[in-house]
Protein backbone atom coordinates (compact mmCIF):
# COMPACT_ATOMS: atom_id res chain seq x y z
CA MET A 1 0.11 0.21 0.13
CA ASP A 2 0.99 3.46 -0.55
CA PHE A 3 0.19 4.86 2.48
CA GLU A 4 1.32 8.89 1.34
CA THR A 5 -1.05 8.49 -1.21
CA TYR A 6 -3.80 7.33 1.03
CA PHE A 7 -2.86 9.76 3.66
CA LYS A 8 -3.14 12.76 0.78
CA GLY A 9 -6.22 11.39 -0.63
CA GLU A 10 -7.94 11.17 2.77
CA LEU A 11 -7.33 14.92 3.17
CA ASP A 12 -8.18 16.05 -0.33
CA VAL A 13 -11.75 14.59 0.70
CA VAL A 14 -11.85 16.45 4.04
CA ARG A 15 -10.64 19.76 2.02
CA GLU A 16 -13.38 19.32 -0.48
CA GLU A 17 -16.20 18.66 1.99
CA GLY A 18 -14.98 21.93 3.81
CA ASN A 19 -13.94 20.22 7.07
CA TYR A 20 -10.14 20.49 7.03
CA ARG A 21 -8.90 22.04 9.77
CA VAL A 22 -6.36 25.08 9.61
CA PHE A 23 -4.35 26.09 12.41
CA THR A 24 -4.04 29.38 13.11
CA GLU A 25 -0.70 30.57 14.38
CA ILE A 26 -0.92 33.34 17.24
CA GLU A 27 1.18 34.67 20.30
CA ARG A 28 -0.69 35.97 23.13
CA HIS A 29 0.51 38.76 24.84
CA ARG A 30 0.64 38.79 28.94
CA GLY A 31 -1.28 41.74 29.92
CA ALA A 32 -3.09 42.31 26.99
CA TYR A 33 -5.72 39.41 26.88
CA PRO A 34 -7.19 38.84 24.80
CA HIS A 35 -5.06 40.89 22.21
CA ALA A 36 -2.71 38.55 20.28
CA THR A 37 -0.13 38.55 17.21
CA ARG A 38 -0.86 36.64 14.53
CA TYR A 39 1.71 35.27 12.12
CA VAL A 40 1.34 33.95 8.37
CA GLY A 41 4.52 33.23 6.98
CA ASP A 42 7.20 35.84 7.36
CA THR A 43 4.11 38.62 8.35
CA THR A 44 2.33 39.52 11.31
CA GLN A 45 -1.09 40.91 12.10
CA ASP A 46 -2.46 42.26 15.54
CA VAL A 47 -5.75 40.33 16.11
CA THR A 48 -8.68 40.29 18.81
CA VAL A 49 -9.01 36.62 19.93
CA TRP A 50 -12.92 36.15 20.27
CA CYS A 51 -12.96 32.19 20.43
CA SER A 52 -10.45 31.56 23.43
CA ASN A 53 -11.34 29.14 26.20
CA ASP A 54 -9.48 31.11 28.53
CA TYR A 55 -13.06 32.80 29.77
CA LEU A 56 -11.86 34.98 32.45
CA GLY A 57 -8.23 35.69 31.27
CA MET A 58 -6.56 33.56 34.27
CA GLY A 59 -3.99 32.19 31.98
CA GLN A 60 -2.58 35.74 32.38
CA HIS A 61 -3.52 36.76 35.87
CA PRO A 62 -0.76 37.89 37.99
CA VAL A 63 -1.61 35.83 40.90
CA VAL A 64 -1.28 32.63 38.16
CA ILE A 65 1.81 33.70 36.78
CA GLU A 66 3.45 34.37 39.81
CA ALA A 67 2.47 31.14 41.74
CA MET A 68 4.02 29.17 38.34
CA HIS A 69 6.99 31.30 38.67
CA ARG A 70 7.81 30.73 42.33
CA VAL A 71 7.44 26.55 41.82
CA LEU A 72 9.16 26.92 38.60
CA ASP A 73 12.18 27.98 40.45
CA GLU A 74 11.56 25.57 43.46
CA CYS A 75 10.74 22.40 41.80
CA GLY A 76 12.06 22.68 38.41
CA ALA A 77 10.14 22.04 35.36
CA GLY A 78 8.94 18.51 34.72
CA ALA A 79 7.28 16.23 37.46
CA GLY A 80 9.58 13.85 37.14
CA GLY A 81 7.58 10.64 36.46
CA THR A 82 4.26 8.86 37.05
CA ARG A 83 1.98 9.79 39.90
CA ASN A 84 3.12 6.04 41.50
CA ILE A 85 6.70 6.29 40.21
CA SER A 86 8.53 9.60 41.73
CA GLY A 87 6.14 12.01 40.19
CA ASN A 88 3.60 12.93 43.00
CA ASN A 89 4.43 16.12 43.99
CA HIS A 90 3.21 18.17 46.99
CA HIS A 91 1.75 20.67 44.52
CA HIS A 92 -0.42 17.86 42.87
CA VAL A 93 -1.94 17.04 46.38
CA LEU A 94 -2.67 20.49 47.34
CA LEU A 95 -4.52 21.20 44.07
CA GLU A 96 -6.32 18.00 44.60
CA ARG A 97 -7.39 19.35 47.94
CA GLU A 98 -8.85 22.32 46.61
CA LEU A 99 -10.89 21.08 43.79
CA ALA A 100 -12.50 18.47 46.39
CA ASP A 101 -13.40 21.60 48.65
CA LEU A 102 -14.64 23.36 45.34
CA HIS A 103 -17.10 20.49 44.99
CA GLY A 104 -17.58 20.23 48.05
CA LYS A 105 -16.55 16.33 47.67
CA GLU A 106 -14.08 14.10 49.65
CA ALA A 107 -11.36 13.64 47.02
CA ALA A 108 -10.26 14.69 43.61
CA LEU A 109 -8.00 13.15 41.14
CA LEU A 110 -5.96 14.99 38.77
CA PHE A 111 -5.57 14.29 34.95
CA THR A 112 -3.21 15.60 32.35
CA SER A 113 -6.35 17.04 30.27
CA GLY A 114 -9.94 17.29 30.50
CA TYR A 115 -10.28 14.89 27.63
CA VAL A 116 -7.96 12.17 29.63
CA SER A 117 -10.17 12.83 32.82
CA ASN A 118 -13.15 12.06 30.84
CA TRP A 119 -11.71 8.97 28.65
CA ALA A 120 -10.04 7.58 31.98
CA GLY A 121 -12.89 8.21 34.56
CA LEU A 122 -15.83 7.17 32.64
CA GLY A 123 -14.04 4.15 30.58
CA THR A 124 -12.61 2.70 34.11
CA LEU A 125 -15.76 2.96 35.79
CA ALA A 126 -18.13 1.28 32.82
CA SER A 127 -15.77 -1.32 32.65
CA ARG A 128 -14.91 -2.20 36.13
CA ILE A 129 -18.00 -2.38 37.61
CA PRO A 130 -19.70 -5.59 36.57
CA GLY A 131 -22.65 -5.60 34.50
CA CYS A 132 -22.56 -1.80 34.08
CA VAL A 133 -24.85 0.02 31.69
CA VAL A 134 -24.20 3.70 30.91
CA PHE A 135 -26.65 6.06 29.71
CA SER A 136 -25.23 8.73 27.69
CA ASP A 137 -26.81 12.00 26.57
CA ALA A 138 -26.96 12.42 22.85
CA LEU A 139 -24.62 15.30 22.59
CA ASN A 140 -21.84 14.31 24.97
CA HIS A 141 -18.33 15.33 23.93
CA ALA A 142 -16.30 12.95 22.42
CA SER A 143 -14.08 12.62 25.11
CA MET A 144 -17.21 10.81 27.06
CA ILE A 145 -18.05 9.12 24.05
CA GLU A 146 -14.76 7.46 23.65
CA GLY A 147 -14.53 6.83 27.58
CA ILE A 148 -17.69 4.64 27.35
CA ARG A 149 -16.66 2.95 23.96
CA HIS A 150 -13.45 1.97 25.22
CA SER A 151 -15.35 0.47 28.26
CA LYS A 152 -17.30 -1.99 26.07
CA ALA A 153 -20.05 -1.69 28.68
CA GLN A 154 -23.65 -1.83 27.14
CA CYS A 155 -24.75 1.81 26.59
CA ARG A 156 -28.06 3.64 25.97
CA ILE A 157 -28.26 6.89 24.47
CA TRP A 158 -30.92 9.22 25.50
CA LYS A 159 -32.12 12.22 23.89
CA HIS A 160 -30.51 15.37 24.57
CA ASN A 161 -31.55 17.18 27.60
CA ASP A 162 -34.63 14.91 28.28
CA PRO A 163 -34.97 13.56 31.76
CA ALA A 164 -38.33 11.92 30.87
CA ASP A 165 -36.55 9.81 27.61
CA LEU A 166 -33.88 8.84 30.40
CA ASP A 167 -36.36 7.69 32.72
CA ARG A 168 -37.74 5.53 29.74
CA HIS A 169 -34.38 3.89 29.30
CA LEU A 170 -33.68 3.22 32.89
CA SER A 171 -36.90 1.67 33.55
CA GLN A 172 -35.82 -1.01 31.07
CA PHE A 173 -33.44 -2.16 33.59
CA GLY A 174 -34.12 -3.57 36.57
CA PRO A 175 -32.73 -2.29 40.50
CA ASP A 176 -29.77 -4.67 40.35
CA VAL A 177 -28.23 -3.93 37.36
CA PRO A 178 -25.36 -0.97 37.68
CA LYS A 179 -26.20 2.05 36.11
CA LEU A 180 -24.20 5.17 35.18
CA VAL A 181 -25.85 8.24 33.82
CA ALA A 182 -23.19 10.61 31.95
CA PHE A 183 -24.09 13.84 30.60
CA GLU A 184 -22.80 17.54 30.34
CA SER A 185 -23.75 20.63 32.41
CA VAL A 186 -22.92 23.35 29.81
CA TYR A 187 -22.71 21.87 26.20
CA SER A 188 -19.97 23.63 24.31
CA MET A 189 -21.81 23.87 21.00
CA ASP A 190 -24.88 25.16 21.34
CA GLY A 191 -24.71 26.37 24.89
CA ASP A 192 -27.75 25.12 26.26
CA ILE A 193 -27.71 23.89 30.10
CA ALA A 194 -28.72 20.42 31.25
CA PRO A 195 -31.92 20.24 33.64
CA ILE A 196 -29.22 18.97 36.29
CA ALA A 197 -32.05 18.64 39.39
CA GLU A 198 -34.32 17.00 36.97
CA ILE A 199 -31.74 14.46 35.90
CA LEU A 200 -30.49 13.38 39.12
CA ASP A 201 -34.40 13.00 40.18
CA VAL A 202 -34.21 10.26 37.72
CA CYS A 203 -30.97 9.07 38.69
CA GLU A 204 -32.16 8.81 42.40
CA LYS A 205 -35.37 7.14 41.76
CA HIS A 206 -33.22 4.44 39.62
CA GLY A 207 -30.45 4.37 41.83
CA ALA A 208 -28.19 5.06 39.37
CA MET A 209 -24.60 6.72 39.43
CA SER A 210 -24.42 10.19 38.16
CA TYR A 211 -21.56 11.62 35.91
CA ILE A 212 -21.52 15.13 35.12
CA ASP A 213 -18.90 16.91 32.81
CA GLU A 214 -18.56 20.71 34.33
CA VAL A 215 -15.85 21.94 32.00
CA HIS A 216 -17.92 24.43 30.21
CA GLY A 217 -19.06 25.54 34.15
CA VAL A 218 -16.24 25.28 36.49
CA GLY A 219 -15.05 28.76 37.20
CA LEU A 220 -17.73 30.56 35.59
CA TYR A 221 -20.75 29.71 37.55
CA GLY A 222 -21.54 29.49 41.35
CA PRO A 223 -20.57 31.99 44.02
CA ARG A 224 -17.16 30.00 44.11
CA GLY A 225 -16.63 28.99 40.56
CA GLY A 226 -17.83 25.56 41.47
CA GLY A 227 -19.78 25.24 38.09
CA VAL A 228 -23.66 24.89 37.24
CA ALA A 229 -24.48 22.52 39.96
CA GLU A 230 -23.11 24.72 42.46
CA PRO A 231 -25.96 27.79 42.86
CA GLU A 232 -28.69 25.03 42.58
CA GLY A 233 -27.23 23.42 45.46
CA LEU A 234 -26.82 19.86 43.63
CA MET A 235 -23.11 19.15 43.97
CA ASP A 236 -23.84 16.56 46.90
CA ARG A 237 -26.11 14.64 44.71
CA ILE A 238 -23.97 14.20 42.01
CA THR A 239 -21.31 10.95 42.31
CA VAL A 240 -18.83 12.31 39.73
CA ILE A 241 -18.16 15.66 39.02
CA GLU A 242 -15.72 16.15 36.15
CA GLY A 243 -13.75 19.17 35.23
CA THR A 244 -10.70 21.09 33.35
CA LEU A 245 -8.20 23.39 34.32
CA GLY A 246 -7.67 24.29 30.75
CA LYS A 247 -10.47 26.73 30.45
CA ALA A 248 -12.21 29.06 33.01
CA PHE A 249 -8.86 28.39 35.28
CA GLY A 250 -6.70 28.89 32.85
CA VAL A 251 -4.29 26.54 32.78
CA MET A 252 -3.88 22.97 31.83
CA GLY A 253 -5.09 19.38 33.33
CA GLY A 254 -8.41 17.73 33.93
CA TYR A 255 -9.80 16.33 36.95
CA ILE A 256 -12.72 13.81 38.67
CA ALA A 257 -14.02 14.96 42.13
CA ALA A 258 -16.09 12.14 44.12
CA SER A 259 -16.07 10.22 47.26
CA ALA A 260 -12.58 9.11 48.52
CA SER A 261 -13.29 5.40 47.83
CA LEU A 262 -14.36 6.30 43.93
CA CYS A 263 -11.35 8.63 43.27
CA ASP A 264 -9.07 5.81 44.84
CA PHE A 265 -10.99 2.99 42.78
CA VAL A 266 -9.99 5.03 39.56
CA ARG A 267 -6.68 6.15 40.56
CA THR A 268 -5.80 2.27 41.14
CA PHE A 269 -7.39 0.68 37.64
CA ALA A 270 -7.11 3.82 35.13
CA SER A 271 -4.48 3.19 32.87
CA GLY A 272 -5.05 7.09 31.58
CA PHE A 273 -3.92 7.94 35.02
CA ILE A 274 -1.48 5.30 35.84
CA PHE A 275 0.89 5.00 32.52
CA THR A 276 1.51 8.79 32.09
CA THR A 277 3.83 11.52 33.55
CA ALA A 278 1.99 13.65 35.89
CA ILE A 279 1.79 17.29 35.02
CA PRO A 280 4.24 19.90 35.82
CA PRO A 281 4.64 21.11 39.16
CA ALA A 282 4.11 24.68 37.97
CA LEU A 283 0.99 23.96 36.27
CA ALA A 284 -0.52 22.22 39.26
CA ALA A 285 0.37 25.54 41.71
CA GLY A 286 -0.88 27.84 38.87
CA ALA A 287 -4.09 26.01 38.68
CA ALA A 288 -4.39 26.18 42.37
CA ALA A 289 -3.59 29.63 42.65
CA SER A 290 -6.45 30.27 39.92
CA ILE A 291 -9.07 28.14 41.99
CA ARG A 292 -8.21 29.80 44.94
CA HIS A 293 -8.68 33.30 43.64
CA LEU A 294 -11.86 32.54 41.69
CA LYS A 295 -13.09 30.98 44.71
CA GLN A 296 -13.12 34.55 46.32
CA SER A 297 -13.41 37.09 43.35
CA GLU A 298 -16.71 37.80 41.63
CA VAL A 299 -14.98 40.65 39.75
CA GLU A 300 -14.03 37.94 36.50
CA ARG A 301 -16.98 36.12 36.42
CA GLU A 302 -19.45 39.73 36.53
CA ARG A 303 -16.87 41.19 33.75
CA GLN A 304 -17.66 37.84 31.63
CA ARG A 305 -21.39 37.92 32.16
CA ASP A 306 -21.68 41.82 31.19
CA ARG A 307 -19.36 41.55 27.84
CA VAL A 308 -21.45 38.39 26.92
CA LYS A 309 -24.60 40.19 27.23
CA THR A 310 -23.03 43.06 25.40
CA VAL A 311 -21.96 40.46 22.45
CA ARG A 312 -25.75 39.35 22.18
CA ARG A 313 -27.24 42.85 22.08
CA LYS A 314 -24.73 44.03 19.55
CA LEU A 315 -25.53 40.93 17.18
CA ASP A 316 -28.95 41.40 17.57
CA MET A 317 -28.79 45.04 16.50
CA LEU A 318 -26.97 44.18 13.52
CA GLY A 319 -29.68 41.15 12.56
CA ILE A 320 -27.43 38.65 13.08
CA PRO A 321 -28.91 35.20 14.25
CA HIS A 322 -27.60 33.30 17.16
CA LEU A 323 -29.02 30.64 19.25
CA PRO A 324 -30.87 31.63 22.52
CA ASN A 325 -29.20 29.96 25.39
CA PRO A 326 -28.70 30.51 29.14
CA SER A 327 -25.11 30.51 29.22
CA HIS A 328 -22.13 32.18 27.95
CA ILE A 329 -21.50 30.41 24.87
CA ILE A 330 -22.94 32.14 21.54
CA PRO A 331 -23.44 30.28 18.55
CA VAL A 332 -23.70 31.77 15.25
CA MET A 333 -24.54 29.24 13.15
CA VAL A 334 -23.61 29.50 9.50
CA GLY A 335 -24.77 26.14 8.27
CA ASP A 336 -22.03 25.52 5.37
CA PRO A 337 -18.63 24.74 6.20
CA HIS A 338 -17.28 26.43 3.02
CA LYS A 339 -19.32 29.85 4.31
CA ALA A 340 -18.07 29.79 7.27
CA LYS A 341 -14.25 29.49 6.46
CA ARG A 342 -15.02 32.72 4.39
CA ILE A 343 -16.91 34.59 6.99
CA SER A 344 -14.01 33.95 9.55
CA ASP A 345 -11.07 34.62 7.09
CA TRP A 346 -12.93 37.77 6.00
CA LEU A 347 -13.52 38.92 9.52
CA MET A 348 -9.49 37.83 10.57
CA ASP A 349 -8.01 39.70 7.37
CA ASN A 350 -10.25 43.03 7.52
CA HIS A 351 -10.85 43.57 11.10
CA GLY A 352 -8.57 41.26 13.22
CA ILE A 353 -11.18 39.35 14.61
CA TYR A 354 -10.15 35.82 15.12
CA VAL A 355 -13.40 33.55 15.36
CA GLN A 356 -12.70 29.94 14.60
CA PRO A 357 -15.00 27.68 12.36
CA ILE A 358 -16.25 25.09 13.79
CA ASN A 359 -17.03 21.79 11.48
CA TYR A 360 -17.97 18.24 11.08
CA PRO A 361 -17.07 16.28 13.44
CA THR A 362 -16.92 18.67 16.39
CA ILE A 363 -20.54 19.20 15.00
CA PRO A 364 -22.71 17.61 12.92
């Protein structure tokens, strides 16, 4: 087989469909968020980033930068190993304590990314609990889907954000069947928010564990940034809360928060936790500093909410349709990948506005 010809042919198909991913090369500038420099060959352009997941600018906050500099000087660059073999740094332990406190749980477990925490967390629970059946929301993130697939557990897909359909699926299994319900709080593409209380009512009715992905909620919602479930007073009813350190907290990494025994169970059996080098101590220290700051400060969340309202209002004034939702995510649906790319290129080239078109398979 001519592998190079095959690779190029497959890429040509993606390009023709308009789904080829173009990576925009930028350099962010500390203290100037969300401004950046775009690199195109030998030329540069000043741009404003409108599509960053660093929702609150914490990736450039002085508290975070200072913590990372300090621990980098104290501990050096890398962790030195896996968590089990010489890489269990004091700052990892401190970060997990902060995360457990944030969500009102007994423990938390740190992973290298939010993708890995979902893949390893869901995959381990579903595969190691004998006879476990997973009930997955139809619009769950790819990391959750891959974790469930990896587990090889039986899986039922329930209609998006529909507790009645979830109840219908759960009712088909007896009380002795272990059940795990997986869903998100804020869905990243449409920006809609799950009816968490109703979903938990159904879970409790059927004795099912609940697993919520709060990656687009942590840091942004709740009086201490605990996510959408925090202001609703629901965190104690959720079996597993999963989150990321790479969005509102502005650093890198993922985690789950749950009971001490569940976290220890995943720590013991999850290959995605066991067989990988731990994140650098400086990153752990920066994430912990970000979490501590956002537990006490409402300034960043208020500023972000105000800007979301402003953008929605100005889009309405210009007659640009966008999906209504109660979250901070503002989806402008174009409906054609080629047109979406042309629009984003025009905004970048003529106005220095960087908005990334989102195409298949990220969206249907």
